[in-house]
C-alpha atoms as a PDB file:
ATOM      1  CA  GLN A   1     117.500  94.334 107.419  1.00  0.00           C
ATOM      2  CA  VAL A   2     117.885  96.884 104.876  1.00  0.00           C
ATOM      3  CA  GLN A   3     118.892 100.277 105.531  1.00  0.00           C
ATOM      4  CA  LEU A   4     117.542 102.704 102.972  1.00  0.00           C
ATOM      5  CA  VAL A   5     119.003 106.465 102.468  1.00  0.00           C
ATOM      6  CA  GLU A   6     116.968 108.739 100.153  1.00  0.00           C
ATOM      7  CA  SER A   7     118.458 111.370  98.165  1.00  0.00           C
ATOM      8  CA  GLY A   8     118.019 114.278  95.376  1.00  0.00           C
ATOM      9  CA  GLY A   9     115.198 116.588  96.605  1.00  0.00           C
ATOM     10  CA  GLY A  10     115.168 119.761  96.065  1.00  0.00           C
ATOM     11  CA  LEU A  11     113.172 122.760  94.507  1.00  0.00           C
ATOM     12  CA  VAL A  12     112.494 122.710  90.815  1.00  0.00           C
ATOM     13  CA  GLN A  13     109.837 124.745  88.979  1.00  0.00           C
ATOM     14  CA  ALA A  14     107.077 123.235  87.322  1.00  0.00           C
ATOM     15  CA  GLY A  15     107.750 121.566  84.340  1.00  0.00           C
ATOM     16  CA  GLY A  16     111.161 120.466  85.446  1.00  0.00           C
ATOM     17  CA  SER A  17     112.828 117.152  86.061  1.00  0.00           C
ATOM     18  CA  LEU A  18     114.371 115.506  89.326  1.00  0.00           C
ATOM     19  CA  ARG A  19     116.438 112.258  89.704  1.00  0.00           C
ATOM     20  CA  LEU A  20     115.887 110.916  93.484  1.00  0.00           C
ATOM     21  CA  SER A  21     118.148 107.841  94.399  1.00  0.00           C
ATOM     22  CA  CYS A  22     117.611 105.484  97.404  1.00  0.00           C
ATOM     23  CA  ALA A  23     120.771 103.808  98.629  1.00  0.00           C
ATOM     24  CA  ALA A  24     120.687 100.572 100.529  1.00  0.00           C
ATOM     25  CA  SER A  25     122.685  98.786 102.707  1.00  0.00           C
ATOM     26  CA  GLY A  26     122.782  95.809 104.773  1.00  0.00           C
ATOM     27  CA  ARG A  27     120.937  92.751 103.371  1.00  0.00           C
ATOM     28  CA  THR A  28     121.073  91.630  99.813  1.00  0.00           C
ATOM     29  CA  PHE A  29     119.844  94.027  97.990  1.00  0.00           C
ATOM     30  CA  SER A  30     118.857  92.323  94.496  1.00  0.00           C
ATOM     31  CA  ASN A  31     116.645  89.978  96.656  1.00  0.00           C
ATOM     32  CA  TYR A  32     114.169  92.345  97.431  1.00  0.00           C
ATOM     33  CA  ALA A  33     111.555  94.089  94.980  1.00  0.00           C
ATOM     34  CA  MET A  34     111.323  98.480  96.036  1.00  0.00           C
ATOM     35  CA  GLY A  35     108.735 101.244  96.085  1.00  0.00           C
ATOM     36  CA  TRP A  36     109.061 104.941  96.144  1.00  0.00           C
ATOM     37  CA  PHE A  37     106.015 106.261  97.956  1.00  0.00           C
ATOM     38  CA  ARG A  38     104.958 109.857  98.751  1.00  0.00           C
ATOM     39  CA  GLN A  39     103.735 111.684 101.405  1.00  0.00           C
ATOM     40  CA  ALA A  40     101.878 114.832 101.684  1.00  0.00           C
ATOM     41  CA  PRO A  41     100.956 117.208 105.367  1.00  0.00           C
ATOM     42  CA  ALA A  42      98.225 115.240 106.638  1.00  0.00           C
ATOM     43  CA  LYS A  43      97.946 112.740 104.332  1.00  0.00           C
ATOM     44  CA  GLU A  44      98.213 108.895 103.721  1.00  0.00           C
ATOM     45  CA  ARG A  45     101.716 107.599 102.477  1.00  0.00           C
ATOM     46  CA  GLU A  46     100.637 106.696  98.799  1.00  0.00           C
ATOM     47  CA  LEU A  47     102.544 104.428  96.244  1.00  0.00           C
ATOM     48  CA  VAL A  48     104.404 106.240  93.662  1.00  0.00           C
ATOM     49  CA  ALA A  49     106.058 103.461  91.791  1.00  0.00           C
ATOM     50  CA  ALA A  50     107.360 100.120  92.179  1.00  0.00           C
ATOM     51  CA  ILE A  51     109.983  97.445  90.850  1.00  0.00           C
ATOM     52  CA  SER A  52     110.639  94.205  90.661  1.00  0.00           C
ATOM     53  CA  TRP A  53     114.190  92.543  92.102  1.00  0.00           C
ATOM     54  CA  SER A  54     114.811  92.005  88.361  1.00  0.00           C
ATOM     55  CA  GLY A  55     113.671  95.112  87.180  1.00  0.00           C
ATOM     56  CA  VAL A  56     111.259  93.780  84.500  1.00  0.00           C
ATOM     57  CA  ARG A  57     108.204  94.391  86.087  1.00  0.00           C
ATOM     58  CA  THR A  58     107.263  98.178  86.871  1.00  0.00           C
ATOM     59  CA  ASP A  59     103.877 100.085  88.441  1.00  0.00           C
ATOM     60  CA  TYR A  60     103.084 103.429  88.601  1.00  0.00           C
ATOM     61  CA  ALA A  61     100.636 105.567  90.103  1.00  0.00           C
ATOM     62  CA  ASP A  62      98.260 106.916  87.483  1.00  0.00           C
ATOM     63  CA  PRO A  63      98.936 110.517  88.391  1.00  0.00           C
ATOM     64  CA  VAL A  64     102.472 110.099  87.318  1.00  0.00           C
ATOM     65  CA  LYS A  65     102.522 107.669  84.596  1.00  0.00           C
ATOM     66  CA  GLY A  66     104.138 108.390  82.046  1.00  0.00           C
ATOM     67  CA  ARG A  67     106.347 111.198  83.844  1.00  0.00           C
ATOM     68  CA  PHE A  68     107.706 109.228  86.416  1.00  0.00           C
ATOM     69  CA  THR A  69     110.316 106.462  85.391  1.00  0.00           C
ATOM     70  CA  ILE A  70     111.399 103.704  88.386  1.00  0.00           C
ATOM     71  CA  SER A  71     114.719 101.696  87.596  1.00  0.00           C
ATOM     72  CA  ARG A  72     117.476 100.149  89.788  1.00  0.00           C
ATOM     73  CA  ASP A  73     120.890  99.161  89.370  1.00  0.00           C
ATOM     74  CA  ASN A  74     121.580  96.040  91.840  1.00  0.00           C
ATOM     75  CA  ALA A  75     125.173  96.736  91.309  1.00  0.00           C
ATOM     76  CA  LYS A  76     125.189  99.974  93.304  1.00  0.00           C
ATOM     77  CA  ASN A  77     122.592  98.565  95.933  1.00  0.00           C
ATOM     78  CA  THR A  78     120.541 101.705  94.215  1.00  0.00           C
ATOM     79  CA  VAL A  79     116.845 102.404  93.061  1.00  0.00           C
ATOM     80  CA  TYR A  80     116.036 105.591  91.065  1.00  0.00           C
ATOM     81  CA  LEU A  81     113.151 107.824  90.508  1.00  0.00           C
ATOM     82  CA  GLN A  82     113.563 109.921  87.332  1.00  0.00           C
ATOM     83  CA  MET A  83     110.627 112.616  87.512  1.00  0.00           C
ATOM     84  CA  ASN A  84     110.086 114.889  84.561  1.00  0.00           C
ATOM     85  CA  SER A  85     107.518 117.209  83.590  1.00  0.00           C
ATOM     86  CA  LEU A  86     106.953 117.874  87.385  1.00  0.00           C
ATOM     87  CA  LYS A  87     103.558 119.563  88.347  1.00  0.00           C
ATOM     88  CA  PRO A  88     102.982 121.449  91.745  1.00  0.00           C
ATOM     89  CA  GLU A  89     100.774 118.728  93.206  1.00  0.00           C
ATOM     90  CA  ASP A  90     103.580 116.271  92.394  1.00  0.00           C
ATOM     91  CA  ARG A  91     105.178 118.488  96.048  1.00  0.00           C
ATOM     92  CA  ASP A  92     105.728 115.933  98.894  1.00  0.00           C
ATOM     93  CA  VAL A  93     108.201 114.001 101.153  1.00  0.00           C
ATOM     94  CA  TYR A  94     109.084 110.835  98.971  1.00  0.00           C
ATOM     95  CA  TYR A  95     110.395 107.712 100.705  1.00  0.00           C
ATOM     96  CA  CYS A  96     111.674 104.433  99.583  1.00  0.00           C
ATOM     97  CA  ALA A  97     111.213 100.967 101.000  1.00  0.00           C
ATOM     98  CA  VAL A  98     111.825  97.471 100.208  1.00  0.00           C
ATOM     99  CA  THR A  99     109.576  94.082 100.314  1.00  0.00           C
ATOM    100  CA  LYS A 100     110.404  90.872  99.849  1.00  0.00           C
ATOM    101  CA  SER A 101     107.703  90.024  97.604  1.00  0.00           C
ATOM    102  CA  TYR A 102     106.299  92.213  94.419  1.00  0.00           C
ATOM    103  CA  SER A 103     103.191  94.352  96.227  1.00  0.00           C
ATOM    104  CA  LEU A 104     101.291  97.684  95.410  1.00  0.00           C
ATOM    105  CA  ARG A 105     100.656  97.364  98.842  1.00  0.00           C
ATOM    106  CA  ILE A 106     101.661  99.841 101.264  1.00  0.00           C
ATOM    107  CA  THR A 107     101.557  97.262 104.155  1.00  0.00           C
ATOM    108  CA  GLU A 108     103.868  94.796 102.610  1.00  0.00           C
ATOM    109  CA  TYR A 109     106.655  97.490 102.381  1.00  0.00           C
ATOM    110  CA  ASN A 110     109.256  98.105 105.598  1.00  0.00           C
ATOM    111  CA  SER A 111     112.516  99.361 106.156  1.00  0.00           C
ATOM    112  CA  TRP A 112     111.769 102.962 105.181  1.00  0.00           C
ATOM    113  CA  GLY A 113     114.147 105.706 104.718  1.00  0.00           C
ATOM    114  CA  GLN A 114     114.175 109.491 105.891  1.00  0.00           C
ATOM    115  CA  GLY A 115     112.334 110.568 103.134  1.00  0.00           C
ATOM    116  CA  THR A 116     113.605 113.664 100.849  1.00  0.00           C
ATOM    117  CA  GLN A 117     111.426 116.842 100.158  1.00  0.00           C
ATOM    118  CA  VAL A 118     110.472 117.295  96.452  1.00  0.00           C
ATOM    119  CA  THR A 119     109.074 121.265  96.236  1.00  0.00           C
ATOM    120  CA  VAL A 120     107.935 122.306  92.990  1.00  0.00           C
ATOM    121  CA  SER A 121     107.010 125.916  92.637  1.00  0.00           C
ATOM    122  CA  SER A 122     104.543 127.220  89.878  1.00  0.00           C
END
């Protein structure tokens, strides 16, 4: 099983940037595709971005396309989410998770981290 720890969240003004990190330990990190998700209170968790094990394939939710970039460093067992041009509606708890086979379906992911809060002030 893979253990995941997210970091990098915080408070930022609208238009600003944050970079989230997700550090993995346990089983071989490079065997897994990874995803970043977010969840607001009383709402369902949703996919933000996904990346294949090699980093070649990435996908983004429509609201973040052109603003967020997912990347990974398999040597450091870490996946990143660079978030630029942040908007107040990006305020959520952000989670990372793993999947054995690349997927955009949340049900295919497991080994969730504890989450990191992102707050964007207007």
